[in-house]
C-alpha atoms as a PDB file:
ATOM      1  CA  MET A   1    -221.790 -52.186-185.592  1.00  0.00           C
ATOM      2  CA  THR A   2    -222.713 -54.979-183.276  1.00  0.00           C
ATOM      3  CA  ALA A   3    -225.817 -55.151-181.084  1.00  0.00           C
ATOM      4  CA  ILE A   4    -226.372 -56.595-178.127  1.00  0.00           C
ATOM      5  CA  TYR A   5    -230.024 -58.291-177.038  1.00  0.00           C
ATOM      6  CA  ASN A   6    -231.769 -59.048-173.554  1.00  0.00           C
ATOM      7  CA  LEU A   7    -233.789 -62.347-174.122  1.00  0.00           C
ATOM      8  CA  ASN A   8    -234.548 -62.938-171.099  1.00  0.00           C
ATOM      9  CA  SER A   9    -236.821 -59.272-170.758  1.00  0.00           C
ATOM     10  CA  VAL A  10    -239.840 -59.427-168.424  1.00  0.00           C
ATOM     11  CA  GLN A  11    -241.354 -56.967-171.247  1.00  0.00           C
ATOM     12  CA  ALA A  12    -241.172 -59.402-174.212  1.00  0.00           C
ATOM     13  CA  GLN A  13    -243.197 -58.327-176.813  1.00  0.00           C
ATOM     14  CA  GLN A  14    -244.695 -61.049-179.556  1.00  0.00           C
ATOM     15  CA  LEU A  15    -243.351 -59.540-183.147  1.00  0.00           C
ATOM     16  CA  PRO A  16    -246.282 -61.001-186.147  1.00  0.00           C
ATOM     17  CA  GLN A  17    -245.552 -63.847-187.875  1.00  0.00           C
ATOM     18  CA  THR A  18    -246.832 -62.660-190.913  1.00  0.00           C
ATOM     19  CA  ARG A  19    -246.982 -58.665-191.702  1.00  0.00           C
ATOM     20  CA  GLN A  20    -248.583 -57.398-195.851  1.00  0.00           C
ATOM     21  CA  ALA A  21    -247.080 -55.200-198.192  1.00  0.00           C
ATOM     22  CA  LYS A  22    -246.960 -51.996-197.067  1.00  0.00           C
ATOM     23  CA  THR A  23    -249.191 -49.439-198.883  1.00  0.00           C
ATOM     24  CA  PRO A  24    -247.809 -46.330-199.365  1.00  0.00           C
ATOM     25  CA  THR A  25    -249.248 -42.792-199.559  1.00  0.00           C
ATOM     26  CA  ALA A  26    -248.032 -39.317-201.001  1.00  0.00           C
ATOM     27  CA  VAL A  27    -248.353 -36.310-198.051  1.00  0.00           C
ATOM     28  CA  ALA A  28    -247.667 -32.599-198.265  1.00  0.00           C
ATOM     29  CA  VAL A  29    -245.913 -31.886-194.868  1.00  0.00           C
ATOM     30  CA  THR A  30    -245.586 -27.854-194.117  1.00  0.00           C
ATOM     31  CA  ASN A  31    -244.236 -26.182-191.036  1.00  0.00           C
ATOM     32  CA  THR A  32    -246.901 -27.041-189.476  1.00  0.00           C
ATOM     33  CA  ALA A  33    -246.965 -30.119-187.655  1.00  0.00           C
ATOM     34  CA  ALA A  34    -249.697 -32.269-188.400  1.00  0.00           C
ATOM     35  CA  VAL A  35    -250.522 -36.369-187.730  1.00  0.00           C
ATOM     36  CA  ALA A  36    -249.498 -37.797-191.330  1.00  0.00           C
ATOM     37  CA  LEU A  37    -249.980 -41.710-189.998  1.00  0.00           C
ATOM     38  CA  PRO A  38    -253.248 -41.917-187.767  1.00  0.00           C
ATOM     39  CA  ALA A  39    -252.603 -44.629-184.651  1.00  0.00           C
ATOM     40  CA  ASN A  40    -253.647 -47.879-186.064  1.00  0.00           C
ATOM     41  CA  THR A  41    -253.611 -50.932-183.463  1.00  0.00           C
ATOM     42  CA  ASN A  42    -252.536 -53.895-186.797  1.00  0.00           C
ATOM     43  CA  ARG A  43    -249.335 -52.138-187.821  1.00  0.00           C
ATOM     44  CA  ALA A  44    -245.759 -53.626-188.167  1.00  0.00           C
ATOM     45  CA  SER A  45    -244.027 -51.107-189.403  1.00  0.00           C
ATOM     46  CA  PHE A  46    -243.915 -48.098-190.974  1.00  0.00           C
ATOM     47  CA  SER A  47    -241.533 -46.058-193.158  1.00  0.00           C
ATOM     48  CA  LEU A  48    -241.444 -42.308-195.227  1.00  0.00           C
ATOM     49  CA  PHE A  49    -238.707 -41.374-197.837  1.00  0.00           C
ATOM     50  CA  ASN A  50    -238.950 -37.178-197.650  1.00  0.00           C
ATOM     51  CA  ILE A  51    -238.879 -36.419-201.763  1.00  0.00           C
ATOM     52  CA  GLY A  52    -238.610 -32.872-200.504  1.00  0.00           C
ATOM     53  CA  PRO A  53    -237.223 -29.271-200.795  1.00  0.00           C
ATOM     54  CA  GLY A  54    -237.647 -29.303-197.570  1.00  0.00           C
ATOM     55  CA  SER A  55    -236.907 -31.209-194.059  1.00  0.00           C
ATOM     56  CA  LEU A  56    -238.664 -32.803-192.004  1.00  0.00           C
ATOM     57  CA  LEU A  57    -239.540 -33.373-188.130  1.00  0.00           C
ATOM     58  CA  LEU A  58    -240.930 -36.108-187.273  1.00  0.00           C
ATOM     59  CA  ARG A  59    -241.821 -37.817-184.019  1.00  0.00           C
ATOM     60  CA  GLU A  60    -243.433 -40.692-182.642  1.00  0.00           C
ATOM     61  CA  GLY A  61    -246.870 -39.177-181.223  1.00  0.00           C
ATOM     62  CA  VAL A  62    -249.847 -36.895-182.019  1.00  0.00           C
ATOM     63  CA  THR A  63    -247.466 -33.391-181.256  1.00  0.00           C
ATOM     64  CA  VAL A  64    -244.058 -32.413-183.152  1.00  0.00           C
ATOM     65  CA  THR A  65    -242.773 -29.288-182.791  1.00  0.00           C
ATOM     66  CA  ALA A  66    -239.400 -27.486-183.816  1.00  0.00           C
ATOM     67  CA  THR A  67    -237.572 -28.301-180.867  1.00  0.00           C
ATOM     68  CA  ALA A  68    -239.254 -31.502-179.832  1.00  0.00           C
ATOM     69  CA  TYR A  69    -238.735 -34.560-182.267  1.00  0.00           C
ATOM     70  CA  GLU A  70    -236.905 -37.703-183.071  1.00  0.00           C
ATOM     71  CA  ALA A  71    -235.200 -37.356-186.474  1.00  0.00           C
ATOM     72  CA  ILE A  72    -235.070 -35.004-188.571  1.00  0.00           C
ATOM     73  CA  ILE A  73    -234.831 -36.350-192.520  1.00  0.00           C
ATOM     74  CA  PRO A  74    -233.434 -34.702-195.269  1.00  0.00           C
ATOM     75  CA  ALA A  75    -234.764 -34.811-197.933  1.00  0.00           C
ATOM     76  CA  GLY A  76    -233.930 -37.322-200.614  1.00  0.00           C
ATOM     77  CA  PHE A  77    -233.325 -39.402-197.532  1.00  0.00           C
ATOM     78  CA  HIS A  78    -235.292 -42.710-195.921  1.00  0.00           C
ATOM     79  CA  TRP A  79    -236.589 -43.646-193.025  1.00  0.00           C
ATOM     80  CA  ASN A  80    -237.875 -47.072-191.652  1.00  0.00           C
ATOM     81  CA  SER A  81    -239.528 -47.352-187.944  1.00  0.00           C
ATOM     82  CA  GLU A  82    -237.126 -49.789-186.220  1.00  0.00           C
ATOM     83  CA  PRO A  83    -237.660 -53.569-186.441  1.00  0.00           C
ATOM     84  CA  SER A  84    -235.744 -54.485-183.049  1.00  0.00           C
ATOM     85  CA  ASP A  85    -237.973 -51.880-181.135  1.00  0.00           C
ATOM     86  CA  TYR A  86    -241.248 -52.648-180.013  1.00  0.00           C
ATOM     87  CA  ARG A  87    -244.501 -52.388-182.676  1.00  0.00           C
ATOM     88  CA  TYR A  88    -245.352 -48.998-182.304  1.00  0.00           C
ATOM     89  CA  THR A  89    -249.015 -48.301-182.913  1.00  0.00           C
ATOM     90  CA  GLY A  90    -249.237 -44.574-182.317  1.00  0.00           C
ATOM     91  CA  ALA A  91    -249.440 -41.110-184.047  1.00  0.00           C
ATOM     92  CA  ILE A  92    -246.912 -40.080-186.156  1.00  0.00           C
ATOM     93  CA  SER A  93    -246.518 -36.264-186.552  1.00  0.00           C
ATOM     94  CA  LEU A  94    -244.484 -34.487-189.630  1.00  0.00           C
ATOM     95  CA  MET A  95    -243.060 -30.950-189.798  1.00  0.00           C
ATOM     96  CA  THR A  96    -241.009 -29.300-191.867  1.00  0.00           C
ATOM     97  CA  THR A  97    -237.988 -27.653-190.570  1.00  0.00           C
ATOM     98  CA  ALA A  98    -239.126 -24.716-192.976  1.00  0.00           C
ATOM     99  CA  GLY A  99    -241.073 -24.324-196.155  1.00  0.00           C
ATOM    100  CA  THR A 100    -242.572 -27.389-197.827  1.00  0.00           C
ATOM    101  CA  ALA A 101    -242.008 -31.174-198.160  1.00  0.00           C
ATOM    102  CA  ASN A 102    -243.576 -34.180-200.127  1.00  0.00           C
ATOM    103  CA  VAL A 103    -243.683 -37.232-198.255  1.00  0.00           C
ATOM    104  CA  MET A 104    -243.456 -41.188-199.077  1.00  0.00           C
ATOM    105  CA  ILE A 105    -245.015 -42.677-196.481  1.00  0.00           C
ATOM    106  CA  SER A 106    -245.397 -47.118-196.308  1.00  0.00           C
ATOM    107  CA  GLU A 107    -247.723 -48.558-193.538  1.00  0.00           C
ATOM    108  CA  SER A 108    -247.240 -52.110-193.869  1.00  0.00           C
ATOM    109  CA  ILE A 109    -250.317 -53.855-190.870  1.00  0.00           C
ATOM    110  CA  ILE A 110    -250.622 -57.263-189.550  1.00  0.00           C
ATOM    111  CA  GLY A 111    -250.885 -60.480-191.835  1.00  0.00           C
END
């Protein structure tokens, strides 16, 4: 897959020179929406691994619903924040499509 980047963008973002190692946290997720990772202005990146058994709905922000989500993450799958996107520092919300799921969510902070 080939990606094209606009290097002359007026909305350029200064990416951090360094980041610390990710800190993992175990989270139990149900079919009730909840903030799994609170906003953090020092966040460099985040990722999660859905241990399962349920599938996850993920959304950047404080609200995720069965009709308003960014990604569905099945059990056994890993999800990374997009490294080429602007650094997202807001809340990350999760809920399951049904039942429960155990999730390992990790966050790294700037330098």
